[in-house]
Amino acid sequence: VPAAAPAAPAARAVSASPFMNFGGSSAGYAPGSAPATLGAAAASSSAGSRTIAKTTPKTPTTGSSSDDQDLQKRVIAQAYQVAKQINSTGGYRFDGTNDCYGFVRRVWNPILSNLHDAAMPVDDYPDSKWARITDWKQLKPGDALATAQGHHWGGNWHGGLFYGMKGSTPTVFDDTPNPRGASIHSNEVFLYYYVPTHKLLAGQ
């Protein structure tokens, strides 16, 4: 008798709370808690590593100078490097380094440091520096994204980066527990963007 086909992965559900249901207890932590090994290197794992087909995002043609576009490309290039490191060492792990916001901070913080700017905020919900997305076409490649107005530790929050528009569809670059690892795909959950880094990307 042929073996049964594996079940399809569960769809990402949207909760009624101001946070999105992302990971939860199945990811090995309690919603609302910070990782026990925040910032520490996690042990390698061979489970579920992801690969990324590298493509070049389209360069924005409105509201961006060449310097702004250079920063956008720099952020995306850094995202590819960080994603490769995460995916080659076991994929998503909730440890503050290899999870969704660890991915965002590993991309942005070195760049912000070089620009002598403040690092990405941690556990700042609610914070007006995160603005509601009203028009995806106004975002820039590399924009930091969130499911709530500020960062929040736990399974009901998710962060990532804006990658670009594919026709009329926004695409994002993020690190998720299911499927496990960092990848580029269409947006499903993000509602807010971080204004300070957006202004840098837009040259404001």
C-alpha atoms as a PDB file:
ATOM      1  CA  VAL A   1       0.000   0.000   0.000  1.00  0.00           C
ATOM      2  CA  PRO A   2       1.523   3.358  -0.955  1.00  0.00           C
ATOM      3  CA  ALA A   3       2.471   5.581   1.951  1.00  0.00           C
ATOM      4  CA  ALA A   4       0.092   8.417   2.669  1.00  0.00           C
ATOM      5  CA  ALA A   5       1.171  11.840   1.467  1.00  0.00           C
ATOM      6  CA  PRO A   6       2.412  14.160   4.209  1.00  0.00           C
ATOM      7  CA  ALA A   7      -0.122  16.644   5.523  1.00  0.00           C
ATOM      8  CA  ALA A   8       0.111  20.184   4.216  1.00  0.00           C
ATOM      9  CA  PRO A   9       1.458  22.751   6.696  1.00  0.00           C
ATOM     10  CA  ALA A  10      -1.179  24.656   8.622  1.00  0.00           C
ATOM     11  CA  ALA A  11      -2.049  28.110   7.350  1.00  0.00           C
ATOM     12  CA  ARG A  12      -0.958  31.115   9.375  1.00  0.00           C
ATOM     13  CA  ALA A  13      -3.961  32.229  11.375  1.00  0.00           C
ATOM     14  CA  VAL A  14      -4.789  35.804  12.305  1.00  0.00           C
ATOM     15  CA  SER A  15      -5.924  36.266  15.886  1.00  0.00           C
ATOM     16  CA  ALA A  16      -8.416  38.821  17.177  1.00  0.00           C
ATOM     17  CA  SER A  17      -5.789  40.318  19.512  1.00  0.00           C
ATOM     18  CA  PRO A  18      -3.474  43.215  18.494  1.00  0.00           C
ATOM     19  CA  PHE A  19      -0.787  40.563  17.978  1.00  0.00           C
ATOM     20  CA  MET A  20      -0.689  37.768  15.431  1.00  0.00           C
ATOM     21  CA  ASN A  21      -0.667  34.121  16.394  1.00  0.00           C
ATOM     22  CA  PHE A  22       2.877  33.184  15.397  1.00  0.00           C
ATOM     23  CA  GLY A  23       4.587  30.196  16.939  1.00  0.00           C
ATOM     24  CA  GLY A  24       2.898  29.998  20.334  1.00  0.00           C
ATOM     25  CA  SER A  25       3.696  27.159  22.697  1.00  0.00           C
ATOM     26  CA  SER A  26       4.537  24.848  19.795  1.00  0.00           C
ATOM     27  CA  ALA A  27       7.647  26.958  19.184  1.00  0.00           C
ATOM     28  CA  GLY A  28       8.909  26.114  22.668  1.00  0.00           C
ATOM     29  CA  TYR A  29       8.127  29.278  24.581  1.00  0.00           C
ATOM     30  CA  ALA A  30       5.218  30.894  26.348  1.00  0.00           C
ATOM     31  CA  PRO A  31       3.513  33.858  24.644  1.00  0.00           C
ATOM     32  CA  GLY A  32       4.774  37.102  26.123  1.00  0.00           C
ATOM     33  CA  SER A  33       8.083  35.701  27.350  1.00  0.00           C
ATOM     34  CA  ALA A  34      11.554  36.696  26.221  1.00  0.00           C
ATOM     35  CA  PRO A  35      13.906  33.907  25.092  1.00  0.00           C
ATOM     36  CA  ALA A  36      16.027  32.458  27.880  1.00  0.00           C
ATOM     37  CA  THR A  37      19.183  32.765  25.773  1.00  0.00           C
ATOM     38  CA  LEU A  38      18.566  36.228  24.355  1.00  0.00           C
ATOM     39  CA  GLY A  39      21.468  37.193  22.119  1.00  0.00           C
ATOM     40  CA  ALA A  40      23.376  33.962  22.723  1.00  0.00           C
ATOM     41  CA  ALA A  41      24.443  31.666  19.907  1.00  0.00           C
ATOM     42  CA  ALA A  42      22.101  28.713  19.605  1.00  0.00           C
ATOM     43  CA  ALA A  43      23.215  25.127  19.125  1.00  0.00           C
ATOM     44  CA  SER A  44      23.172  23.879  15.556  1.00  0.00           C
ATOM     45  CA  SER A  45      20.325  21.687  14.388  1.00  0.00           C
ATOM     46  CA  SER A  46      19.902  19.667  11.211  1.00  0.00           C
ATOM     47  CA  ALA A  47      16.102  19.940  11.195  1.00  0.00           C
ATOM     48  CA  GLY A  48      14.279  21.724   8.408  1.00  0.00           C
ATOM     49  CA  SER A  49      16.902  24.051   6.961  1.00  0.00           C
ATOM     50  CA  ARG A  50      15.636  26.335   4.203  1.00  0.00           C
ATOM     51  CA  THR A  51      17.360  27.552   1.089  1.00  0.00           C
ATOM     52  CA  ILE A  52      16.759  30.876  -0.609  1.00  0.00           C
ATOM     53  CA  ALA A  53      16.748  31.415  -4.354  1.00  0.00           C
ATOM     54  CA  LYS A  54      18.564  34.715  -4.592  1.00  0.00           C
ATOM     55  CA  THR A  55      16.913  37.221  -6.870  1.00  0.00           C
ATOM     56  CA  THR A  56      17.537  40.921  -7.285  1.00  0.00           C
ATOM     57  CA  PRO A  57      14.656  43.114  -6.061  1.00  0.00           C
ATOM     58  CA  LYS A  58      13.451  45.785  -8.425  1.00  0.00           C
ATOM     59  CA  THR A  59      14.941  49.168  -7.620  1.00  0.00           C
ATOM     60  CA  PRO A  60      12.278  51.733  -6.612  1.00  0.00           C
ATOM     61  CA  THR A  61      11.728  54.340  -9.299  1.00  0.00           C
ATOM     62  CA  THR A  62       9.890  57.011  -7.295  1.00  0.00           C
ATOM     63  CA  GLY A  63      10.930  59.055  -4.293  1.00  0.00           C
ATOM     64  CA  SER A  64      14.422  57.555  -4.013  1.00  0.00           C
ATOM     65  CA  SER A  65      17.834  58.953  -4.857  1.00  0.00           C
ATOM     66  CA  SER A  66      20.775  56.759  -5.818  1.00  0.00           C
ATOM     67  CA  ASP A  67      22.095  56.992  -2.222  1.00  0.00           C
ATOM     68  CA  ASP A  68      18.737  55.857  -0.845  1.00  0.00           C
ATOM     69  CA  GLN A  69      18.670  52.961  -3.295  1.00  0.00           C
ATOM     70  CA  ASP A  70      22.208  52.001  -2.259  1.00  0.00           C
ATOM     71  CA  LEU A  71      21.055  51.711   1.371  1.00  0.00           C
ATOM     72  CA  GLN A  72      18.031  49.665   0.319  1.00  0.00           C
ATOM     73  CA  LYS A  73      20.275  47.278  -1.609  1.00  0.00           C
ATOM     74  CA  ARG A  74      22.685  47.126   1.328  1.00  0.00           C
ATOM     75  CA  VAL A  75      19.902  46.118   3.722  1.00  0.00           C
ATOM     76  CA  ILE A  76      18.611  43.415   1.375  1.00  0.00           C
ATOM     77  CA  ALA A  77      22.142  42.105   0.781  1.00  0.00           C
ATOM     78  CA  GLN A  78      22.652  41.909   4.553  1.00  0.00           C
ATOM     79  CA  ALA A  79      19.325  40.073   4.841  1.00  0.00           C
ATOM     80  CA  TYR A  80      20.534  37.410   2.400  1.00  0.00           C
ATOM     81  CA  GLN A  81      23.709  36.924   4.436  1.00  0.00           C
ATOM     82  CA  VAL A  82      21.867  36.627   7.744  1.00  0.00           C
ATOM     83  CA  ALA A  83      19.250  34.318   6.243  1.00  0.00           C
ATOM     84  CA  LYS A  84      21.982  32.054   4.898  1.00  0.00           C
ATOM     85  CA  GLN A  85      23.598  31.881   8.344  1.00  0.00           C
ATOM     86  CA  ILE A  86      20.290  31.074  10.054  1.00  0.00           C
ATOM     87  CA  ASN A  87      19.205  28.481   7.511  1.00  0.00           C
ATOM     88  CA  SER A  88      22.590  26.720   7.429  1.00  0.00           C
ATOM     89  CA  THR A  89      22.664  26.283  11.224  1.00  0.00           C
ATOM     90  CA  GLY A  90      19.211  24.820  11.798  1.00  0.00           C
ATOM     91  CA  GLY A  91      16.714  27.491  10.776  1.00  0.00           C
ATOM     92  CA  TYR A  92      14.361  29.317  13.103  1.00  0.00           C
ATOM     93  CA  ARG A  93      15.092  29.127  16.856  1.00  0.00           C
ATOM     94  CA  PHE A  94      13.500  31.365  19.464  1.00  0.00           C
ATOM     95  CA  ASP A  95      16.684  32.643  21.086  1.00  0.00           C
ATOM     96  CA  GLY A  96      16.772  36.345  20.222  1.00  0.00           C
ATOM     97  CA  THR A  97      19.318  35.674  17.475  1.00  0.00           C
ATOM     98  CA  ASN A  98      17.819  33.135  15.061  1.00  0.00           C
ATOM     99  CA  ASP A  99      14.138  34.018  15.463  1.00  0.00           C
ATOM    100  CA  CYS A 100      12.047  36.534  13.532  1.00  0.00           C
ATOM    101  CA  TYR A 101      13.207  39.680  15.311  1.00  0.00           C
ATOM    102  CA  GLY A 102      16.715  38.314  15.729  1.00  0.00           C
ATOM    103  CA  PHE A 103      16.781  38.184  11.926  1.00  0.00           C
ATOM    104  CA  VAL A 104      15.589  41.802  11.637  1.00  0.00           C
ATOM    105  CA  ARG A 105      18.046  43.077  14.251  1.00  0.00           C
ATOM    106  CA  ARG A 106      20.989  41.152  12.772  1.00  0.00           C
ATOM    107  CA  VAL A 107      20.236  42.821   9.456  1.00  0.00           C
ATOM    108  CA  TRP A 108      19.621  46.352  10.686  1.00  0.00           C
ATOM    109  CA  ASN A 109      21.745  46.839  13.827  1.00  0.00           C
ATOM    110  CA  PRO A 110      25.187  46.665  12.136  1.00  0.00           C
ATOM    111  CA  ILE A 111      23.983  49.143   9.519  1.00  0.00           C
ATOM    112  CA  LEU A 112      22.501  51.465  12.157  1.00  0.00           C
ATOM    113  CA  SER A 113      25.734  51.243  14.138  1.00  0.00           C
ATOM    114  CA  ASN A 114      27.753  52.287  11.080  1.00  0.00           C
ATOM    115  CA  LEU A 115      25.364  55.210  10.610  1.00  0.00           C
ATOM    116  CA  HIS A 116      25.794  56.130  14.309  1.00  0.00           C
ATOM    117  CA  ASP A 117      22.078  55.636  14.821  1.00  0.00           C
ATOM    118  CA  ALA A 118      20.098  53.897  17.579  1.00  0.00           C
ATOM    119  CA  ALA A 119      19.644  50.130  17.366  1.00  0.00           C
ATOM    120  CA  MET A 120      16.279  48.537  16.639  1.00  0.00           C
ATOM    121  CA  PRO A 121      13.996  48.785  19.689  1.00  0.00           C
ATOM    122  CA  VAL A 122      13.266  45.776  21.885  1.00  0.00           C
ATOM    123  CA  ASP A 123      10.023  45.141  23.787  1.00  0.00           C
ATOM    124  CA  ASP A 124       8.727  48.641  22.985  1.00  0.00           C
ATOM    125  CA  TYR A 125       5.031  47.868  22.382  1.00  0.00           C
ATOM    126  CA  PRO A 126       3.091  50.118  22.090  1.00  0.00           C
ATOM    127  CA  ASP A 127       5.257  52.669  20.309  1.00  0.00           C
ATOM    128  CA  SER A 128       4.116  55.365  17.890  1.00  0.00           C
ATOM    129  CA  LYS A 129       7.383  54.988  15.959  1.00  0.00           C
ATOM    130  CA  TRP A 130       5.699  51.971  14.329  1.00  0.00           C
ATOM    131  CA  ALA A 131       3.137  53.291  11.827  1.00  0.00           C
ATOM    132  CA  ARG A 132       0.201  51.475  10.260  1.00  0.00           C
ATOM    133  CA  ILE A 133       0.794  50.399   6.654  1.00  0.00           C
ATOM    134  CA  THR A 134      -1.756  52.161   4.466  1.00  0.00           C
ATOM    135  CA  ASP A 135      -0.032  51.873   1.084  1.00  0.00           C
ATOM    136  CA  TRP A 136       2.519  49.104   0.491  1.00  0.00           C
ATOM    137  CA  LYS A 137       3.823  50.922  -2.576  1.00  0.00           C
ATOM    138  CA  GLN A 138       5.159  53.671  -0.310  1.00  0.00           C
ATOM    139  CA  LEU A 139       7.441  51.257   1.559  1.00  0.00           C
ATOM    140  CA  LYS A 140      11.083  50.732   0.658  1.00  0.00           C
ATOM    141  CA  PRO A 141      13.003  47.445   0.306  1.00  0.00           C
ATOM    142  CA  GLY A 142      14.433  46.742   3.752  1.00  0.00           C
ATOM    143  CA  ASP A 143      11.671  48.391   5.778  1.00  0.00           C
ATOM    144  CA  ALA A 144      11.262  46.716   9.178  1.00  0.00           C
ATOM    145  CA  LEU A 145       7.781  45.238   9.606  1.00  0.00           C
ATOM    146  CA  ALA A 146       5.694  44.036  12.545  1.00  0.00           C
ATOM    147  CA  THR A 147       2.293  42.575  13.277  1.00  0.00           C
ATOM    148  CA  ALA A 148       1.676  45.070  16.099  1.00  0.00           C
ATOM    149  CA  GLN A 149       2.612  48.664  16.879  1.00  0.00           C
ATOM    150  CA  GLY A 150       5.942  47.829  18.465  1.00  0.00           C
ATOM    151  CA  HIS A 151       8.030  44.804  19.365  1.00  0.00           C
ATOM    152  CA  HIS A 152       6.522  42.262  21.752  1.00  0.00           C
ATOM    153  CA  TRP A 153       8.190  39.072  23.018  1.00  0.00           C
ATOM    154  CA  GLY A 154       6.240  35.871  22.573  1.00  0.00           C
ATOM    155  CA  GLY A 155       4.286  33.723  20.190  1.00  0.00           C
ATOM    156  CA  ASN A 156       1.704  36.376  19.302  1.00  0.00           C
ATOM    157  CA  TRP A 157       4.104  38.741  17.533  1.00  0.00           C
ATOM    158  CA  HIS A 158       6.052  38.553  14.307  1.00  0.00           C
ATOM    159  CA  GLY A 159       8.648  40.764  12.619  1.00  0.00           C
ATOM    160  CA  GLY A 160      10.268  40.827   9.203  1.00  0.00           C
ATOM    161  CA  LEU A 161      11.450  43.014   6.322  1.00  0.00           C
ATOM    162  CA  PHE A 162       9.730  44.431   3.270  1.00  0.00           C
ATOM    163  CA  TYR A 163      11.324  42.962   0.139  1.00  0.00           C
ATOM    164  CA  GLY A 164       9.439  44.709  -2.658  1.00  0.00           C
ATOM    165  CA  MET A 165       6.342  44.611  -4.843  1.00  0.00           C
ATOM    166  CA  LYS A 166       5.679  41.735  -7.202  1.00  0.00           C
ATOM    167  CA  GLY A 167       3.097  43.339  -9.416  1.00  0.00           C
ATOM    168  CA  SER A 168       0.425  44.481  -6.972  1.00  0.00           C
ATOM    169  CA  THR A 169       1.465  41.964  -4.305  1.00  0.00           C
ATOM    170  CA  PRO A 170       3.815  42.979  -1.448  1.00  0.00           C
ATOM    171  CA  THR A 171       6.573  40.474  -0.695  1.00  0.00           C
ATOM    172  CA  VAL A 172       8.450  40.126   2.581  1.00  0.00           C
ATOM    173  CA  PHE A 173      11.675  38.572   3.867  1.00  0.00           C
ATOM    174  CA  ASP A 174      11.228  36.920   7.266  1.00  0.00           C
ATOM    175  CA  ASP A 175      12.266  34.032   9.524  1.00  0.00           C
ATOM    176  CA  THR A 176       9.458  31.726  10.650  1.00  0.00           C
ATOM    177  CA  PRO A 177       9.014  28.560  12.749  1.00  0.00           C
ATOM    178  CA  ASN A 178       6.656  26.952  10.211  1.00  0.00           C
ATOM    179  CA  PRO A 179       7.988  26.519   7.571  1.00  0.00           C
ATOM    180  CA  ARG A 180      11.236  26.716   9.486  1.00  0.00           C
ATOM    181  CA  GLY A 181      13.776  29.294   8.371  1.00  0.00           C
ATOM    182  CA  ALA A 182      14.207  32.578   6.518  1.00  0.00           C
ATOM    183  CA  SER A 183      12.650  33.077   3.100  1.00  0.00           C
ATOM    184  CA  ILE A 184      10.951  35.510   0.724  1.00  0.00           C
ATOM    185  CA  HIS A 185       7.218  35.212   0.108  1.00  0.00           C
ATOM    186  CA  SER A 186       4.023  37.241  -0.223  1.00  0.00           C
ATOM    187  CA  ASN A 187       2.870  39.180   2.820  1.00  0.00           C
ATOM    188  CA  GLU A 188       0.315  37.421   5.002  1.00  0.00           C
ATOM    189  CA  VAL A 189       0.374  39.118   8.386  1.00  0.00           C
ATOM    190  CA  PHE A 190       2.310  42.386   8.634  1.00  0.00           C
ATOM    191  CA  LEU A 191       0.443  45.567   9.545  1.00  0.00           C
ATOM    192  CA  TYR A 192       3.088  48.086  10.728  1.00  0.00           C
ATOM    193  CA  TYR A 193       6.465  49.477   9.622  1.00  0.00           C
ATOM    194  CA  TYR A 194       9.219  51.125  11.673  1.00  0.00           C
ATOM    195  CA  VAL A 195       9.339  54.828  10.840  1.00  0.00           C
ATOM    196  CA  PRO A 196      12.982  55.681  11.781  1.00  0.00           C
ATOM    197  CA  THR A 197      14.494  53.085   9.442  1.00  0.00           C
ATOM    198  CA  HIS A 198      11.919  53.909   6.763  1.00  0.00           C
ATOM    199  CA  LYS A 199      13.100  57.520   6.818  1.00  0.00           C
ATOM    200  CA  LEU A 200      16.688  56.370   6.358  1.00  0.00           C
ATOM    201  CA  LEU A 201      15.697  54.219   3.385  1.00  0.00           C
ATOM    202  CA  ALA A 202      13.704  57.105   1.903  1.00  0.00           C
ATOM    203  CA  GLY A 203      16.498  59.624   2.456  1.00  0.00           C
ATOM    204  CA  GLN A 204      14.389  61.776   4.772  1.00  0.00           C
END
